Amino acid sequence: MRWGFWCICVAGDWMRKDDIMELGAYFKSIIDQDRAAVVICSLDHKIIYMNPAAAANYHKYGGAELLGKSLLDCHGAHSNERIKEVVAWFAKSEENNLIYTSHNEKQNKDVYMVALRDADKKLIGYYEKHEYRNKENMEKYHMTSKSEV
């Protein structure tokens, strides 16, 4: 019998190629819809993706125009050393994947750096994760769209 598709094992689960390709659209949509800024960097610190919230949040620094530029050009010397130190720590072990970096009192958020790894757990990049601690003020299940307001 000949099969018309191929499968891959991801984290112990078998998935069809088409299912994996389709998941990419879902993952991108999840990141695009996040209200927190998401900036994904390669291991050479190049900004390879910014979600709409990040483009808006960093508008005064160039917003989406920062794509392809070095994250290190956006920070001072001390921050750059810390970024490099964290990425080196990520590279030391496939278990080193998350580190708390700061709390922003004004915005009431915690900030983390998160390792990005491929299916073989090889380090491929990183991103900064923002977790806001404010109570949501949106009404539960309020279904008015922005265009209806």
Protein backbone atom coordinates (compact mmCIF):
# COMPACT_ATOMS: atom_id res chain seq x y z
CA MET A 1 0.00 0.00 0.00
CA ARG A 2 1.29 3.45 -0.86
CA TRP A 3 0.44 6.49 1.24
CA GLY A 4 -0.19 9.89 -0.36
CA PHE A 5 1.27 11.90 2.49
CA TRP A 6 4.27 11.89 4.82
CA CYS A 7 4.33 12.19 8.59
CA ILE A 8 6.74 13.59 11.12
CA CYS A 9 7.08 12.97 14.83
CA VAL A 10 6.96 16.21 16.82
CA ALA A 11 7.45 15.91 20.59
CA GLY A 12 6.24 12.30 20.50
CA ASP A 13 3.16 13.01 18.38
CA TRP A 14 2.88 11.96 14.73
CA MET A 15 1.61 14.67 12.43
CA ARG A 16 1.01 14.89 8.70
CA LYS A 17 3.03 17.43 6.70
CA ASP A 18 -0.16 19.28 5.70
CA ASP A 19 -1.23 19.51 9.34
CA ILE A 20 2.14 20.97 10.32
CA MET A 21 2.02 23.52 7.51
CA GLU A 22 -1.52 24.49 8.52
CA LEU A 23 -0.42 24.90 12.16
CA GLY A 24 1.98 27.63 11.06
CA ALA A 25 -0.97 29.84 10.13
CA TYR A 26 -2.58 29.19 13.51
CA PHE A 27 0.61 30.00 15.43
CA LYS A 28 1.14 33.20 13.45
CA SER A 29 -2.45 34.23 14.11
CA ILE A 30 -2.03 33.59 17.84
CA ILE A 31 1.01 35.87 17.93
CA ASP A 32 -0.59 38.49 15.66
CA GLN A 33 -3.67 38.71 17.93
CA ASP A 34 -1.66 39.04 21.15
CA ARG A 35 -2.05 42.49 22.69
CA ALA A 36 1.49 42.32 24.08
CA ALA A 37 4.46 43.15 21.88
CA VAL A 38 6.21 40.10 20.40
CA VAL A 39 9.59 40.61 18.71
CA ILE A 40 11.32 37.44 17.49
CA CYS A 41 15.08 37.49 16.95
CA SER A 42 17.52 35.11 15.29
CA LEU A 43 20.66 34.01 17.12
CA ASP A 44 22.61 36.83 15.47
CA HIS A 45 20.07 39.22 17.10
CA LYS A 46 18.38 40.16 13.82
CA ILE A 47 14.71 41.09 14.25
CA ILE A 48 12.89 38.58 12.06
CA TYR A 49 9.28 39.17 13.15
CA MET A 50 7.20 41.78 14.96
CA ASN A 51 3.53 41.34 15.70
CA PRO A 52 1.21 44.34 15.16
CA ALA A 53 1.33 45.22 18.88
CA ALA A 54 5.14 45.40 18.73
CA ALA A 55 5.10 47.53 15.58
CA ALA A 56 2.71 49.95 17.32
CA ASN A 57 4.56 49.86 20.66
CA TYR A 58 7.94 50.59 19.05
CA HIS A 59 6.57 53.03 16.45
CA LYS A 60 8.71 55.94 17.68
CA TYR A 61 11.81 53.77 17.09
CA GLY A 62 10.75 52.79 13.58
CA GLY A 63 8.02 50.19 14.19
CA ALA A 64 7.86 47.58 11.43
CA GLU A 65 10.88 49.24 9.80
CA LEU A 66 12.98 47.55 12.50
CA LEU A 67 12.52 44.21 10.73
CA GLY A 68 15.88 42.95 9.51
CA LYS A 69 17.80 45.25 11.84
CA SER A 70 19.83 44.15 14.85
CA LEU A 71 18.06 44.21 18.20
CA LEU A 72 21.39 45.26 19.66
CA ASP A 73 21.11 48.59 17.80
CA CYS A 74 17.96 49.29 19.84
CA HIS A 75 19.62 48.95 23.25
CA GLY A 76 22.51 50.40 25.21
CA ALA A 77 25.77 48.62 25.97
CA HIS A 78 24.64 47.20 29.34
CA SER A 79 21.41 45.75 27.90
CA ASN A 80 23.32 44.29 24.95
CA GLU A 81 25.67 42.45 27.31
CA ARG A 82 22.71 41.06 29.24
CA ILE A 83 20.99 39.92 26.02
CA LYS A 84 24.16 38.15 24.86
CA GLU A 85 24.61 36.60 28.32
CA VAL A 86 21.06 35.20 28.30
CA VAL A 87 21.39 33.81 24.76
CA ALA A 88 24.65 32.11 25.78
CA TRP A 89 22.81 30.62 28.80
CA PHE A 90 20.03 29.36 26.50
CA ALA A 91 22.70 27.68 24.35
CA LYS A 92 24.27 25.85 27.31
CA SER A 93 21.32 23.49 27.82
CA GLU A 94 18.10 22.61 26.05
CA GLU A 95 16.46 23.01 29.47
CA ASN A 96 17.42 26.71 29.68
CA ASN A 97 14.38 28.28 28.03
CA LEU A 98 12.96 31.10 30.16
CA ILE A 99 14.51 33.82 32.27
CA TYR A 100 12.87 36.67 34.17
CA THR A 101 14.50 39.95 33.16
CA SER A 102 12.49 42.79 34.72
CA HIS A 103 9.29 44.22 36.13
CA ASN A 104 7.85 47.42 34.71
CA GLU A 105 5.97 49.05 37.60
CA LYS A 106 4.36 51.73 35.43
CA GLN A 107 2.80 49.14 33.08
CA ASN A 108 2.48 46.49 35.83
CA LYS A 109 4.13 43.79 33.77
CA ASP A 110 6.83 41.20 34.14
CA VAL A 111 9.26 40.69 31.27
CA TYR A 112 11.00 37.44 30.31
CA MET A 113 13.35 36.27 27.57
CA VAL A 114 12.26 32.99 26.01
CA ALA A 115 14.37 30.56 23.97
CA LEU A 116 12.99 29.34 20.65
CA ARG A 117 13.97 25.81 19.66
CA ASP A 118 13.36 23.58 16.65
CA ALA A 119 11.90 20.06 16.77
CA ASP A 120 15.35 18.70 17.73
CA LYS A 121 15.53 21.20 20.62
CA LYS A 122 18.31 23.13 18.90
CA LEU A 123 18.33 26.82 19.83
CA ILE A 124 17.18 28.86 16.82
CA GLY A 125 16.32 32.25 18.32
CA TYR A 126 14.60 34.04 21.16
CA TYR A 127 11.89 36.53 22.01
CA GLU A 128 10.84 38.81 24.84
CA LYS A 129 7.61 37.88 26.63
CA HIS A 130 5.51 40.51 28.41
CA GLU A 131 3.01 39.38 31.05
CA TYR A 132 0.68 42.12 32.20
CA ARG A 133 -0.66 41.84 35.75
CA ASN A 134 -3.59 44.24 35.48
CA LYS A 135 -7.12 42.96 35.97
CA GLU A 136 -8.97 42.86 32.65
CA ASN A 137 -11.48 45.70 32.31
CA MET A 138 -13.21 44.32 29.22
CA GLU A 139 -16.76 43.10 29.78
CA LYS A 140 -17.04 39.33 29.77
CA TYR A 141 -18.28 38.02 26.42
CA HIS A 142 -18.91 41.56 25.10
CA MET A 143 -19.18 40.96 21.36
CA THR A 144 -19.02 44.43 19.89
CA SER A 145 -16.34 44.73 17.22
CA LYS A 146 -14.11 47.77 16.84
CA SER A 147 -16.05 48.83 13.75
CA GLU A 148 -19.32 48.83 15.72
CA VAL A 149 -18.06 51.17 18.45
